Structures are given as structure tokens and as C-alpha cells.
Amino acid sequence: MSKKTRIAVAAGILAGAAAVPAFAAGGDDAGEVDVPITGSDLERASAAALAYLGQGRVTETEAGDEESYYEVEVTLDDGSQVDVQLDESFVVVGSEDDGIGEDDVNDD
């Protein structure tokens, strides 16, 4: 990929990230409440995760995740989900494939 193409892709991702909504707090463990990423941090974290994966849409976020400073869940084009771990500078420090999300499975 040429430098111009990478810059254009990054600009597009940043523009698209501005439209990403903040996600409602959830919580996987009893009594634990996930704190969603908000504001400009949401835009930066979303852009970093999407640039890292090269596809998908942000479906959940969490600040102060137990594994990293930020966690961004991305649903890929094939329906599978990946959690992207970021440090406080929005640098990817890891990722984990979560497979097909429970919310994406049709039980009918």
C-alpha cells in the first residue's frame, strides 16, 4: 500500500470514527460495570483499532479494561469479533479473536 493510500485510509477511518457512538455500560462479571470510552478518546481508540484490523465496525468499547488501558471490540465483515487492546497512547498492545458474537447469532 502506498503512503498516499495509507494516509487516505487513515483519514477515512478518522472521519468515520467521529460517527461512532459511545456504547452503554455493560459488565461481564457480577457487580462489575464496564466504562465506555467517550469523546476524543473514543475517536482515537476506534481509529487505531480499525486501522490495525483493516476492516469492521466498532461495536463496544471499554476504558480501564483489566487487560489494557482501552479495549475496542470490532465486529469484522464476516461477523466475527476481535477485542483490540490499546495502551494510554492508543498503541495496539494485543488483540484476541472472540469468534462470532452472541448478539450476532440468530436463535430462530
Foldseek 3Di string as FASTA:
>chain_A
DDPVVLVVVLVVLLVVQVVDDWDAWDDDDVPDTFDTDDDVRSSLLSSLVCSVVVAFHFDHKGAPDPVERIWTWGQGPVQWIKIFHAHPVSHTPDMDTPGHDPVRDDPD
